[in-house]
Amino acid sequence: MDVHISVTGGETVAEAESLTDWLRGEPGLRGVALTGRTPGPGEMGGVLDTVSVALGAGGGLSVLASSLRTWFAQPRRSDVRLKIRRPGGVTVELDAKRVRAGELEAILRSALEDAAGADAEQD
C-alpha cells in the first residue's frame, strides 16, 4: 500500500523535507520519497510538498504511525498540517494545533488500517 502525505502550513517545503528525512531514518520503512504536485496555472514548476511511503506487510503501518506521532510532536510543528491520502483517494487531515500526541497514533492506525483492510479485500 502506498501512502501519500502532503504537508501544509508553516514552511511547507522545509517541513516536507524534514518529514522525508525523518521517515527515511526509520529502519522499518522502505520506499520513502519526496514528491511534488503538478504546477498550477502560471507556476514555473512543481513544489516538492508530498512524502510518499510504500508500506509492505509486516509492521510498516505501525512504524509509520509511531514515527509520524513522534515527528508531529517535535517543537515548532504547531503550524503544520498533514493530509494523508490512502489508496482509493480517501484522505485524513491532521492539524498539530488540534490533535493531541496521544490521539495521533490511534487516528493514524484507524485510518491506515481501514485502507489496508480494503486493499486485502480487493485481492
PDB file of N, CA and C in Angstrom:
ATOM      1  N   MET A   1       0.854  -1.172   0.000  1.00  0.00           N
ATOM      2  CA  MET A   1       0.000   0.000   0.000  1.00  0.00           C
ATOM      3  C   MET A   1       0.898   1.232   0.000  1.00  0.00           C
ATOM      4  N   ASP A   2       0.589   2.177  -0.850  1.00  0.00           N
ATOM      5  CA  ASP A   2       1.303   3.444  -0.873  1.00  0.00           C
ATOM      6  C   ASP A   2       0.482   4.495  -0.147  1.00  0.00           C
ATOM      7  N   VAL A   3       1.156   5.269   0.693  1.00  0.00           N
ATOM      8  CA  VAL A   3       0.520   6.356   1.431  1.00  0.00           C
ATOM      9  C   VAL A   3       1.217   7.640   1.008  1.00  0.00           C
ATOM     10  N   HIS A   4       0.425   8.677   0.730  1.00  0.00           N
ATOM     11  CA  HIS A   4       0.972   9.969   0.329  1.00  0.00           C
ATOM     12  C   HIS A   4       0.610  10.991   1.392  1.00  0.00           C
ATOM     13  N   ILE A   5       1.627  11.679   1.902  1.00  0.00           N
ATOM     14  CA  ILE A   5       1.443  12.628   2.993  1.00  0.00           C
ATOM     15  C   ILE A   5       1.787  14.021   2.479  1.00  0.00           C
ATOM     16  N   SER A   6       0.793  14.887   2.365  1.00  0.00           N
ATOM     17  CA  SER A   6       1.013  16.264   1.951  1.00  0.00           C
ATOM     18  C   SER A   6       1.183  17.124   3.190  1.00  0.00           C
ATOM     19  N   VAL A   7       2.129  18.038   3.127  1.00  0.00           N
ATOM     20  CA  VAL A   7       2.425  18.923   4.244  1.00  0.00           C
ATOM     21  C   VAL A   7       1.951  20.317   3.884  1.00  0.00           C
ATOM     22  N   THR A   8       1.183  20.945   4.776  1.00  0.00           N
ATOM     23  CA  THR A   8       0.740  22.319   4.563  1.00  0.00           C
ATOM     24  C   THR A   8       0.988  23.117   5.831  1.00  0.00           C
ATOM     25  N   GLY A   9       0.979  24.417   5.688  1.00  0.00           N
ATOM     26  CA  GLY A   9       1.206  25.283   6.836  1.00  0.00           C
ATOM     27  C   GLY A   9       2.678  25.373   7.160  1.00  0.00           C
ATOM     28  N   GLY A  10       3.029  26.380   7.911  1.00  0.00           N
ATOM     29  CA  GLY A  10       4.431  26.553   8.268  1.00  0.00           C
ATOM     30  C   GLY A  10       5.270  26.739   7.016  1.00  0.00           C
ATOM     31  N   GLU A  11       6.455  26.232   7.018  1.00  0.00           N
ATOM     32  CA  GLU A  11       7.361  26.275   5.871  1.00  0.00           C
ATOM     33  C   GLU A  11       7.174  24.963   5.121  1.00  0.00           C
ATOM     34  N   THR A  12       6.206  24.916   4.227  1.00  0.00           N
ATOM     35  CA  THR A  12       5.754  23.674   3.608  1.00  0.00           C
ATOM     36  C   THR A  12       6.880  22.816   3.049  1.00  0.00           C
ATOM     37  N   VAL A  13       7.711  23.377   2.192  1.00  0.00           N
ATOM     38  CA  VAL A  13       8.768  22.585   1.566  1.00  0.00           C
ATOM     39  C   VAL A  13       9.774  22.112   2.611  1.00  0.00           C
ATOM     40  N   ALA A  14      10.168  22.989   3.522  1.00  0.00           N
ATOM     41  CA  ALA A  14      11.126  22.604   4.568  1.00  0.00           C
ATOM     42  C   ALA A  14      10.539  21.510   5.457  1.00  0.00           C
ATOM     43  N   GLU A  15       9.258  21.612   5.793  1.00  0.00           N
ATOM     44  CA  GLU A  15       8.619  20.593   6.634  1.00  0.00           C
ATOM     45  C   GLU A  15       8.518  19.266   5.890  1.00  0.00           C
ATOM     46  N   ALA A  16       8.212  19.312   4.591  1.00  0.00           N
ATOM     47  CA  ALA A  16       8.142  18.078   3.796  1.00  0.00           C
ATOM     48  C   ALA A  16       9.516  17.416   3.722  1.00  0.00           C
ATOM     49  N   GLU A  17      10.571  18.223   3.556  1.00  0.00           N
ATOM     50  CA  GLU A  17      11.933  17.680   3.537  1.00  0.00           C
ATOM     51  C   GLU A  17      12.288  17.079   4.899  1.00  0.00           C
ATOM     52  N   SER A  18      11.913  17.774   5.963  1.00  0.00           N
ATOM     53  CA  SER A  18      12.174  17.282   7.311  1.00  0.00           C
ATOM     54  C   SER A  18      11.479  15.944   7.548  1.00  0.00           C
ATOM     55  N   LEU A  19      10.204  15.856   7.148  1.00  0.00           N
ATOM     56  CA  LEU A  19       9.445  14.622   7.337  1.00  0.00           C
ATOM     57  C   LEU A  19      10.054  13.487   6.505  1.00  0.00           C
ATOM     58  N   THR A  20      10.456  13.787   5.287  1.00  0.00           N
ATOM     59  CA  THR A  20      11.077  12.769   4.433  1.00  0.00           C
ATOM     60  C   THR A  20      12.342  12.228   5.086  1.00  0.00           C
ATOM     61  N   ASP A  21      13.208  13.136   5.555  1.00  0.00           N
ATOM     62  CA  ASP A  21      14.440  12.709   6.226  1.00  0.00           C
ATOM     63  C   ASP A  21      14.133  11.877   7.466  1.00  0.00           C
ATOM     64  N   TRP A  22      13.129  12.319   8.220  1.00  0.00           N
ATOM     65  CA  TRP A  22      12.737  11.611   9.447  1.00  0.00           C
ATOM     66  C   TRP A  22      12.305  10.178   9.134  1.00  0.00           C
ATOM     67  N   LEU A  23      11.426  10.034   8.140  1.00  0.00           N
ATOM     68  CA  LEU A  23      10.905   8.712   7.804  1.00  0.00           C
ATOM     69  C   LEU A  23      11.974   7.820   7.172  1.00  0.00           C
ATOM     70  N   ARG A  24      12.897   8.407   6.423  1.00  0.00           N
ATOM     71  CA  ARG A  24      13.988   7.615   5.843  1.00  0.00           C
ATOM     72  C   ARG A  24      14.889   7.034   6.931  1.00  0.00           C
ATOM     73  N   GLY A  25      14.906   7.660   8.094  1.00  0.00           N
ATOM     74  CA  GLY A  25      15.701   7.170   9.212  1.00  0.00           C
ATOM     75  C   GLY A  25      15.059   6.017   9.957  1.00  0.00           C
ATOM     76  N   GLU A  26      13.826   5.685   9.618  1.00  0.00           N
ATOM     77  CA  GLU A  26      13.125   4.574  10.280  1.00  0.00           C
ATOM     78  C   GLU A  26      13.494   3.262   9.606  1.00  0.00           C
ATOM     79  N   PRO A  27      14.134   2.342  10.335  1.00  0.00           N
ATOM     80  CA  PRO A  27      14.552   1.080   9.719  1.00  0.00           C
ATOM     81  C   PRO A  27      13.387   0.239   9.199  1.00  0.00           C
ATOM     82  N   GLY A  28      12.188   0.406   9.739  1.00  0.00           N
ATOM     83  CA  GLY A  28      11.049  -0.404   9.325  1.00  0.00           C
ATOM     84  C   GLY A  28      10.303   0.131   8.110  1.00  0.00           C
ATOM     85  N   LEU A  29      10.748   1.269   7.561  1.00  0.00           N
ATOM     86  CA  LEU A  29      10.070   1.846   6.393  1.00  0.00           C
ATOM     87  C   LEU A  29      10.977   1.774   5.175  1.00  0.00           C
ATOM     88  N   ARG A  30      10.381   1.479   4.042  1.00  0.00           N
ATOM     89  CA  ARG A  30      11.106   1.435   2.775  1.00  0.00           C
ATOM     90  C   ARG A  30      10.345   2.280   1.760  1.00  0.00           C
ATOM     91  N   GLY A  31      11.023   2.729   0.754  1.00  0.00           N
ATOM     92  CA  GLY A  31      10.350   3.442  -0.329  1.00  0.00           C
ATOM     93  C   GLY A  31       9.832   4.811   0.074  1.00  0.00           C
ATOM     94  N   VAL A  32      10.588   5.549   0.887  1.00  0.00           N
ATOM     95  CA  VAL A  32      10.188   6.903   1.282  1.00  0.00           C
ATOM     96  C   VAL A  32      10.770   7.873   0.258  1.00  0.00           C
ATOM     97  N   ALA A  33       9.913   8.694  -0.357  1.00  0.00           N
ATOM     98  CA  ALA A  33      10.380   9.628  -1.380  1.00  0.00           C
ATOM     99  C   ALA A  33       9.651  10.961  -1.259  1.00  0.00           C
ATOM    100  N   LEU A  34      10.368  12.025  -1.548  1.00  0.00           N
ATOM    101  CA  LEU A  34       9.785  13.360  -1.597  1.00  0.00           C
ATOM    102  C   LEU A  34       9.311  13.589  -3.022  1.00  0.00           C
ATOM    103  N   THR A  35       8.027  13.867  -3.173  1.00  0.00           N
ATOM    104  CA  THR A  35       7.450  14.078  -4.495  1.00  0.00           C
ATOM    105  C   THR A  35       6.737  15.419  -4.503  1.00  0.00           C
ATOM    106  N   GLY A  36       6.185  15.772  -5.616  1.00  0.00           N
ATOM    107  CA  GLY A  36       5.530  17.067  -5.715  1.00  0.00           C
ATOM    108  C   GLY A  36       4.239  17.006  -6.482  1.00  0.00           C
ATOM    109  N   ARG A  37       3.639  18.150  -6.552  1.00  0.00           N
ATOM    110  CA  ARG A  37       2.393  18.263  -7.298  1.00  0.00           C
ATOM    111  C   ARG A  37       2.696  18.898  -8.654  1.00  0.00           C
ATOM    112  N   THR A  38       1.781  18.728  -9.558  1.00  0.00           N
ATOM    113  CA  THR A  38       1.906  19.321 -10.877  1.00  0.00           C
ATOM    114  C   THR A  38       1.772  20.829 -10.759  1.00  0.00           C
ATOM    115  N   PRO A  39       2.580  21.581 -11.506  1.00  0.00           N
ATOM    116  CA  PRO A  39       2.470  23.042 -11.439  1.00  0.00           C
ATOM    117  C   PRO A  39       1.082  23.523 -11.840  1.00  0.00           C
ATOM    118  N   GLY A  40       0.607  24.521 -11.133  1.00  0.00           N
ATOM    119  CA  GLY A  40      -0.682  25.119 -11.455  1.00  0.00           C
ATOM    120  C   GLY A  40      -0.532  26.183 -12.528  1.00  0.00           C
ATOM    121  N   PRO A  41      -1.646  26.757 -12.982  1.00  0.00           N
ATOM    122  CA  PRO A  41      -1.585  27.808 -13.988  1.00  0.00           C
ATOM    123  C   PRO A  41      -0.708  28.965 -13.509  1.00  0.00           C
ATOM    124  N   GLY A  42       0.224  29.382 -14.335  1.00  0.00           N
ATOM    125  CA  GLY A  42       1.098  30.497 -14.003  1.00  0.00           C
ATOM    126  C   GLY A  42       2.292  30.143 -13.154  1.00  0.00           C
ATOM    127  N   GLU A  43       2.433  28.873 -12.746  1.00  0.00           N
ATOM    128  CA  GLU A  43       3.567  28.444 -11.942  1.00  0.00           C
ATOM    129  C   GLU A  43       4.657  27.881 -12.844  1.00  0.00           C
ATOM    130  N   MET A  44       5.908  28.163 -12.477  1.00  0.00           N
ATOM    131  CA  MET A  44       7.046  27.731 -13.276  1.00  0.00           C
ATOM    132  C   MET A  44       7.394  26.256 -13.070  1.00  0.00           C
ATOM    133  N   GLY A  45       7.119  25.733 -11.928  1.00  0.00           N
ATOM    134  CA  GLY A  45       7.471  24.343 -11.648  1.00  0.00           C
ATOM    135  C   GLY A  45       6.672  23.801 -10.484  1.00  0.00           C
ATOM    136  N   GLY A  46       6.800  22.504 -10.276  1.00  0.00           N
ATOM    137  CA  GLY A  46       6.090  21.870  -9.179  1.00  0.00           C
ATOM    138  C   GLY A  46       6.747  22.156  -7.838  1.00  0.00           C
ATOM    139  N   VAL A  47       6.004  21.911  -6.795  1.00  0.00           N
ATOM    140  CA  VAL A  47       6.501  22.097  -5.434  1.00  0.00           C
ATOM    141  C   VAL A  47       6.632  20.726  -4.790  1.00  0.00           C
ATOM    142  N   LEU A  48       7.798  20.455  -4.207  1.00  0.00           N
ATOM    143  CA  LEU A  48       8.015  19.181  -3.524  1.00  0.00           C
ATOM    144  C   LEU A  48       7.434  19.292  -2.118  1.00  0.00           C
ATOM    145  N   ASP A  49       6.180  18.882  -1.972  1.00  0.00           N
ATOM    146  CA  ASP A  49       5.490  19.038  -0.698  1.00  0.00           C
ATOM    147  C   ASP A  49       4.768  17.771  -0.255  1.00  0.00           C
ATOM    148  N   THR A  50       5.056  16.661  -0.931  1.00  0.00           N
ATOM    149  CA  THR A  50       4.377  15.408  -0.615  1.00  0.00           C
ATOM    150  C   THR A  50       5.406  14.315  -0.357  1.00  0.00           C
ATOM    151  N   VAL A  51       5.170  13.557   0.696  1.00  0.00           N
ATOM    152  CA  VAL A  51       6.037  12.435   1.039  1.00  0.00           C
ATOM    153  C   VAL A  51       5.284  11.158   0.695  1.00  0.00           C
ATOM    154  N   SER A  52       5.893  10.318  -0.121  1.00  0.00           N
ATOM    155  CA  SER A  52       5.290   9.039  -0.487  1.00  0.00           C
ATOM    156  C   SER A  52       5.992   7.929   0.277  1.00  0.00           C
ATOM    157  N   VAL A  53       5.190   7.028   0.838  1.00  0.00           N
ATOM    158  CA  VAL A  53       5.735   5.914   1.611  1.00  0.00           C
ATOM    159  C   VAL A  53       5.084   4.628   1.111  1.00  0.00           C
ATOM    160  N   ALA A  54       5.902   3.670   0.721  1.00  0.00           N
ATOM    161  CA  ALA A  54       5.392   2.357   0.316  1.00  0.00           C
ATOM    162  C   ALA A  54       5.395   1.464   1.549  1.00  0.00           C
ATOM    163  N   LEU A  55       4.217   0.996   1.931  1.00  0.00           N
ATOM    164  CA  LEU A  55       4.100   0.134   3.112  1.00  0.00           C
ATOM    165  C   LEU A  55       3.878  -1.301   2.669  1.00  0.00           C
ATOM    166  N   GLY A  56       4.723  -2.180   3.147  1.00  0.00           N
ATOM    167  CA  GLY A  56       4.535  -3.594   2.887  1.00  0.00           C
ATOM    168  C   GLY A  56       3.900  -4.255   4.096  1.00  0.00           C
ATOM    169  N   ALA A  57       3.723  -5.530   3.999  1.00  0.00           N
ATOM    170  CA  ALA A  57       3.196  -6.284   5.134  1.00  0.00           C
ATOM    171  C   ALA A  57       4.281  -6.391   6.203  1.00  0.00           C
ATOM    172  N   GLY A  58       3.885  -6.663   7.410  1.00  0.00           N
ATOM    173  CA  GLY A  58       4.872  -6.933   8.443  1.00  0.00           C
ATOM    174  C   GLY A  58       5.218  -5.761   9.322  1.00  0.00           C
ATOM    175  N   GLY A  59       4.279  -4.906   9.637  1.00  0.00           N
ATOM    176  CA  GLY A  59       4.529  -3.882  10.632  1.00  0.00           C
ATOM    177  C   GLY A  59       4.841  -2.494  10.120  1.00  0.00           C
ATOM    178  N   GLY A  60       4.894  -2.288   8.802  1.00  0.00           N
ATOM    179  CA  GLY A  60       5.173  -0.967   8.268  1.00  0.00           C
ATOM    180  C   GLY A  60       4.156   0.065   8.705  1.00  0.00           C
ATOM    181  N   LEU A  61       2.927  -0.338   8.820  1.00  0.00           N
ATOM    182  CA  LEU A  61       1.854   0.550   9.257  1.00  0.00           C
ATOM    183  C   LEU A  61       2.096   1.045  10.677  1.00  0.00           C
ATOM    184  N   SER A  62       2.480   0.162  11.560  1.00  0.00           N
ATOM    185  CA  SER A  62       2.760   0.542  12.950  1.00  0.00           C
ATOM    186  C   SER A  62       3.957   1.475  13.037  1.00  0.00           C
ATOM    187  N   VAL A  63       4.984   1.175  12.259  1.00  0.00           N
ATOM    188  CA  VAL A  63       6.185   2.016  12.259  1.00  0.00           C
ATOM    189  C   VAL A  63       5.834   3.417  11.767  1.00  0.00           C
ATOM    190  N   LEU A  64       5.062   3.514  10.676  1.00  0.00           N
ATOM    191  CA  LEU A  64       4.678   4.821  10.139  1.00  0.00           C
ATOM    192  C   LEU A  64       3.859   5.610  11.153  1.00  0.00           C
ATOM    193  N   ALA A  65       2.871   4.988  11.753  1.00  0.00           N
ATOM    194  CA  ALA A  65       2.019   5.682  12.721  1.00  0.00           C
ATOM    195  C   ALA A  65       2.839   6.188  13.906  1.00  0.00           C
ATOM    196  N   SER A  66       3.700   5.354  14.421  1.00  0.00           N
ATOM    197  CA  SER A  66       4.528   5.742  15.566  1.00  0.00           C
ATOM    198  C   SER A  66       5.507   6.852  15.191  1.00  0.00           C
ATOM    199  N   SER A  67       6.106   6.739  14.030  1.00  0.00           N
ATOM    200  CA  SER A  67       7.084   7.734  13.588  1.00  0.00           C
ATOM    201  C   SER A  67       6.421   9.078  13.321  1.00  0.00           C
ATOM    202  N   LEU A  68       5.249   9.081  12.693  1.00  0.00           N
ATOM    203  CA  LEU A  68       4.529  10.335  12.452  1.00  0.00           C
ATOM    204  C   LEU A  68       4.134  10.995  13.772  1.00  0.00           C
ATOM    205  N   ARG A  69       3.712  10.191  14.731  1.00  0.00           N
ATOM    206  CA  ARG A  69       3.348  10.738  16.045  1.00  0.00           C
ATOM    207  C   ARG A  69       4.536  11.465  16.661  1.00  0.00           C
ATOM    208  N   THR A  70       5.707  10.845  16.616  1.00  0.00           N
ATOM    209  CA  THR A  70       6.898  11.447  17.212  1.00  0.00           C
ATOM    210  C   THR A  70       7.328  12.693  16.445  1.00  0.00           C
ATOM    211  N   TRP A  71       7.319  12.637  15.118  1.00  0.00           N
ATOM    212  CA  TRP A  71       7.717  13.797  14.302  1.00  0.00           C
ATOM    213  C   TRP A  71       6.776  14.977  14.541  1.00  0.00           C
ATOM    214  N   PHE A  72       5.486  14.693  14.568  1.00  0.00           N
ATOM    215  CA  PHE A  72       4.466  15.731  14.731  1.00  0.00           C
ATOM    216  C   PHE A  72       4.595  16.429  16.087  1.00  0.00           C
ATOM    217  N   ALA A  73       5.086  15.712  17.094  1.00  0.00           N
ATOM    218  CA  ALA A  73       5.183  16.257  18.450  1.00  0.00           C
ATOM    219  C   ALA A  73       6.435  17.109  18.662  1.00  0.00           C
ATOM    220  N   GLN A  74       7.318  17.180  17.677  1.00  0.00           N
ATOM    221  CA  GLN A  74       8.547  17.962  17.814  1.00  0.00           C
ATOM    222  C   GLN A  74       8.216  19.450  17.967  1.00  0.00           C
ATOM    223  N   PRO A  75       9.084  20.188  18.652  1.00  0.00           N
ATOM    224  CA  PRO A  75       8.871  21.637  18.769  1.00  0.00           C
ATOM    225  C   PRO A  75       8.800  22.290  17.389  1.00  0.00           C
ATOM    226  N   ARG A  76       8.094  23.367  17.306  1.00  0.00           N
ATOM    227  CA  ARG A  76       7.913  24.169  16.096  1.00  0.00           C
ATOM    228  C   ARG A  76       7.064  23.480  15.039  1.00  0.00           C
ATOM    229  N   ARG A  77       6.292  22.491  15.402  1.00  0.00           N
ATOM    230  CA  ARG A  77       5.407  21.837  14.444  1.00  0.00           C
ATOM    231  C   ARG A  77       3.956  22.290  14.633  1.00  0.00           C
ATOM    232  N   SER A  78       3.723  23.302  15.457  1.00  0.00           N
ATOM    233  CA  SER A  78       2.348  23.675  15.788  1.00  0.00           C
ATOM    234  C   SER A  78       1.570  24.245  14.611  1.00  0.00           C
ATOM    235  N   ASP A  79       2.254  24.736  13.572  1.00  0.00           N
ATOM    236  CA  ASP A  79       1.546  25.276  12.415  1.00  0.00           C
ATOM    237  C   ASP A  79       1.428  24.278  11.272  1.00  0.00           C
ATOM    238  N   VAL A  80       1.893  23.063  11.477  1.00  0.00           N
ATOM    239  CA  VAL A  80       1.933  22.079  10.408  1.00  0.00           C
ATOM    240  C   VAL A  80       0.639  21.279  10.362  1.00  0.00           C
ATOM    241  N   ARG A  81       0.195  21.021   9.129  1.00  0.00           N
ATOM    242  CA  ARG A  81      -0.942  20.138   8.899  1.00  0.00           C
ATOM    243  C   ARG A  81      -0.491  19.044   7.955  1.00  0.00           C
ATOM    244  N   LEU A  82      -0.954  17.851   8.192  1.00  0.00           N
ATOM    245  CA  LEU A  82      -0.670  16.730   7.309  1.00  0.00           C
ATOM    246  C   LEU A  82      -1.968  16.255   6.688  1.00  0.00           C
ATOM    247  N   LYS A  83      -1.932  16.005   5.399  1.00  0.00           N
ATOM    248  CA  LYS A  83      -3.068  15.396   4.712  1.00  0.00           C
ATOM    249  C   LYS A  83      -2.570  14.054   4.203  1.00  0.00           C
ATOM    250  N   ILE A  84      -3.103  12.988   4.750  1.00  0.00           N
ATOM    251  CA  ILE A  84      -2.656  11.642   4.415  1.00  0.00           C
ATOM    252  C   ILE A  84      -3.676  11.030   3.458  1.00  0.00           C
ATOM    253  N   ARG A  85      -3.204  10.735   2.250  1.00  0.00           N
ATOM    254  CA  ARG A  85      -4.076  10.172   1.219  1.00  0.00           C
ATOM    255  C   ARG A  85      -3.812   8.681   1.105  1.00  0.00           C
ATOM    256  N   ARG A  86      -4.864   7.928   1.316  1.00  0.00           N
ATOM    257  CA  ARG A  86      -4.782   6.473   1.248  1.00  0.00           C
ATOM    258  C   ARG A  86      -5.162   6.007  -0.151  1.00  0.00           C
ATOM    259  N   PRO A  87      -4.918   4.740  -0.445  1.00  0.00           N
ATOM    260  CA  PRO A  87      -5.405   4.179  -1.706  1.00  0.00           C
ATOM    261  C   PRO A  87      -6.914   4.370  -1.804  1.00  0.00           C
ATOM    262  N   GLY A  88      -7.389   4.643  -2.985  1.00  0.00           N
ATOM    263  CA  GLY A  88      -8.810   4.879  -3.177  1.00  0.00           C
ATOM    264  C   GLY A  88      -9.177   6.344  -3.044  1.00  0.00           C
ATOM    265  N   GLY A  89      -8.206   7.194  -2.725  1.00  0.00           N
ATOM    266  CA  GLY A  89      -8.440   8.630  -2.679  1.00  0.00           C
ATOM    267  C   GLY A  89      -8.967   9.171  -1.362  1.00  0.00           C
ATOM    268  N   VAL A  90      -9.202   8.323  -0.370  1.00  0.00           N
ATOM    269  CA  VAL A  90      -9.695   8.791   0.926  1.00  0.00           C
ATOM    270  C   VAL A  90      -8.564   9.517   1.645  1.00  0.00           C
ATOM    271  N   THR A  91      -8.881  10.662   2.267  1.00  0.00           N
ATOM    272  CA  THR A  91      -7.845  11.414   2.973  1.00  0.00           C
ATOM    273  C   THR A  91      -8.190  11.607   4.436  1.00  0.00           C
ATOM    274  N   VAL A  92      -7.141  11.733   5.223  1.00  0.00           N
ATOM    275  CA  VAL A  92      -7.256  12.063   6.638  1.00  0.00           C
ATOM    276  C   VAL A  92      -6.412  13.305   6.834  1.00  0.00           C
ATOM    277  N   GLU A  93      -6.987  14.344   7.460  1.00  0.00           N
ATOM    278  CA  GLU A  93      -6.230  15.565   7.717  1.00  0.00           C
ATOM    279  C   GLU A  93      -5.962  15.691   9.210  1.00  0.00           C
ATOM    280  N   LEU A  94      -4.715  16.039   9.532  1.00  0.00           N
ATOM    281  CA  LEU A  94      -4.305  16.198  10.920  1.00  0.00           C
ATOM    282  C   LEU A  94      -3.707  17.579  11.096  1.00  0.00           C
ATOM    283  N   ASP A  95      -4.114  18.267  12.131  1.00  0.00           N
ATOM    284  CA  ASP A  95      -3.647  19.618  12.430  1.00  0.00           C
ATOM    285  C   ASP A  95      -2.939  19.579  13.777  1.00  0.00           C
ATOM    286  N   ALA A  96      -1.678  20.008  13.816  1.00  0.00           N
ATOM    287  CA  ALA A  96      -0.899  19.949  15.053  1.00  0.00           C
ATOM    288  C   ALA A  96      -1.543  20.720  16.187  1.00  0.00           C
ATOM    289  N   LYS A  97      -2.312  21.743  15.871  1.00  0.00           N
ATOM    290  CA  LYS A  97      -2.952  22.542  16.916  1.00  0.00           C
ATOM    291  C   LYS A  97      -4.147  21.839  17.532  1.00  0.00           C
ATOM    292  N   ARG A  98      -4.716  20.873  16.817  1.00  0.00           N
ATOM    293  CA  ARG A  98      -5.965  20.271  17.272  1.00  0.00           C
ATOM    294  C   ARG A  98      -5.872  18.813  17.686  1.00  0.00           C
ATOM    295  N   VAL A  99      -4.767  18.167  17.379  1.00  0.00           N
ATOM    296  CA  VAL A  99      -4.646  16.746  17.698  1.00  0.00           C
ATOM    297  C   VAL A  99      -3.604  16.566  18.791  1.00  0.00           C
ATOM    298  N   ARG A 100      -4.010  15.952  19.876  1.00  0.00           N
ATOM    299  CA  ARG A 100      -3.056  15.661  20.946  1.00  0.00           C
ATOM    300  C   ARG A 100      -2.189  14.480  20.531  1.00  0.00           C
ATOM    301  N   ALA A 101      -0.930  14.518  20.940  1.00  0.00           N
ATOM    302  CA  ALA A 101       0.028  13.477  20.548  1.00  0.00           C
ATOM    303  C   ALA A 101      -0.485  12.075  20.882  1.00  0.00           C
ATOM    304  N   GLY A 102      -1.155  11.931  22.010  1.00  0.00           N
ATOM    305  CA  GLY A 102      -1.670  10.631  22.401  1.00  0.00           C
ATOM    306  C   GLY A 102      -2.772  10.122  21.492  1.00  0.00           C
ATOM    307  N   GLU A 103      -3.487  11.032  20.838  1.00  0.00           N
ATOM    308  CA  GLU A 103      -4.572  10.658  19.932  1.00  0.00           C
ATOM    309  C   GLU A 103      -4.075  10.386  18.520  1.00  0.00           C
ATOM    310  N   LEU A 104      -2.972  11.000  18.155  1.00  0.00           N
ATOM    311  CA  LEU A 104      -2.495  10.951  16.775  1.00  0.00           C
ATOM    312  C   LEU A 104      -2.260   9.536  16.284  1.00  0.00           C
ATOM    313  N   GLU A 105      -1.557   8.748  17.064  1.00  0.00           N
ATOM    314  CA  GLU A 105      -1.244   7.394  16.620  1.00  0.00           C
ATOM    315  C   GLU A 105      -2.516   6.569  16.437  1.00  0.00           C
ATOM    316  N   ALA A 106      -3.482   6.711  17.332  1.00  0.00           N
ATOM    317  CA  ALA A 106      -4.738   5.963  17.209  1.00  0.00           C
ATOM    318  C   ALA A 106      -5.506   6.380  15.958  1.00  0.00           C
ATOM    319  N   ILE A 107      -5.525   7.677  15.658  1.00  0.00           N
ATOM    320  CA  ILE A 107      -6.208   8.171  14.453  1.00  0.00           C
ATOM    321  C   ILE A 107      -5.537   7.613  13.209  1.00  0.00           C
ATOM    322  N   LEU A 108      -4.214   7.683  13.169  1.00  0.00           N
ATOM    323  CA  LEU A 108      -3.475   7.175  12.010  1.00  0.00           C
ATOM    324  C   LEU A 108      -3.687   5.679  11.829  1.00  0.00           C
ATOM    325  N   ARG A 109      -3.574   4.946  12.911  1.00  0.00           N
ATOM    326  CA  ARG A 109      -3.760   3.495  12.810  1.00  0.00           C
ATOM    327  C   ARG A 109      -5.149   3.164  12.270  1.00  0.00           C
ATOM    328  N   SER A 110      -6.163   3.814  12.799  1.00  0.00           N
ATOM    329  CA  SER A 110      -7.524   3.554  12.358  1.00  0.00           C
ATOM    330  C   SER A 110      -7.683   3.853  10.866  1.00  0.00           C
ATOM    331  N   ALA A 111      -7.211   5.009  10.442  1.00  0.00           N
ATOM    332  CA  ALA A 111      -7.355   5.410   9.043  1.00  0.00           C
ATOM    333  C   ALA A 111      -6.567   4.492   8.114  1.00  0.00           C
ATOM    334  N   LEU A 112      -5.337   4.200   8.468  1.00  0.00           N
ATOM    335  CA  LEU A 112      -4.491   3.404   7.591  1.00  0.00           C
ATOM    336  C   LEU A 112      -4.861   1.930   7.619  1.00  0.00           C
ATOM    337  N   GLU A 113      -5.301   1.430   8.758  1.00  0.00           N
ATOM    338  CA  GLU A 113      -5.726   0.031   8.813  1.00  0.00           C
ATOM    339  C   GLU A 113      -6.990  -0.183   8.000  1.00  0.00           C
ATOM    340  N   ASP A 114      -7.884   0.801   7.982  1.00  0.00           N
ATOM    341  CA  ASP A 114      -9.073   0.703   7.136  1.00  0.00           C
ATOM    342  C   ASP A 114      -8.668   0.555   5.681  1.00  0.00           C
ATOM    343  N   ALA A 115      -7.653   1.308   5.262  1.00  0.00           N
ATOM    344  CA  ALA A 115      -7.172   1.249   3.887  1.00  0.00           C
ATOM    345  C   ALA A 115      -6.527  -0.101   3.602  1.00  0.00           C
ATOM    346  N   ALA A 116      -5.739  -0.587   4.544  1.00  0.00           N
ATOM    347  CA  ALA A 116      -5.076  -1.882   4.352  1.00  0.00           C
ATOM    348  C   ALA A 116      -6.108  -2.999   4.244  1.00  0.00           C
ATOM    349  N   GLY A 117      -7.158  -2.922   5.056  1.00  0.00           N
ATOM    350  CA  GLY A 117      -8.225  -3.913   5.003  1.00  0.00           C
ATOM    351  C   GLY A 117      -8.966  -3.883   3.675  1.00  0.00           C
ATOM    352  N   ALA A 118      -9.197  -2.687   3.144  1.00  0.00           N
ATOM    353  CA  ALA A 118      -9.877  -2.552   1.858  1.00  0.00           C
ATOM    354  C   ALA A 118      -9.015  -3.132   0.745  1.00  0.00           C
ATOM    355  N   ASP A 119      -7.698  -2.917   0.799  1.00  0.00           N
ATOM    356  CA  ASP A 119      -6.797  -3.480  -0.200  1.00  0.00           C
ATOM    357  C   ASP A 119      -6.821  -4.991  -0.169  1.00  0.00           C
ATOM    358  N   ALA A 120      -6.816  -5.582   1.033  1.00  0.00           N
ATOM    359  CA  ALA A 120      -6.816  -7.034   1.172  1.00  0.00           C
ATOM    360  C   ALA A 120      -8.104  -7.641   0.612  1.00  0.00           C
ATOM    361  N   GLU A 121      -9.228  -6.952   0.787  1.00  0.00           N
ATOM    362  CA  GLU A 121     -10.497  -7.451   0.282  1.00  0.00           C
ATOM    363  C   GLU A 121     -10.535  -7.454  -1.238  1.00  0.00           C
ATOM    364  N   GLN A 122      -9.816  -6.514  -1.877  1.00  0.00           N
ATOM    365  CA  GLN A 122      -9.825  -6.422  -3.332  1.00  0.00           C
ATOM    366  C   GLN A 122      -8.945  -7.479  -3.967  1.00  0.00           C
ATOM    367  N   ASP A 123      -7.973  -8.012  -3.237  1.00  0.00           N
ATOM    368  CA  ASP A 123      -7.040  -9.010  -3.813  1.00  0.00           C
ATOM    369  C   ASP A 123      -7.703 -10.330  -4.037  1.00  0.00           C
TER     370      ASP A 123
END
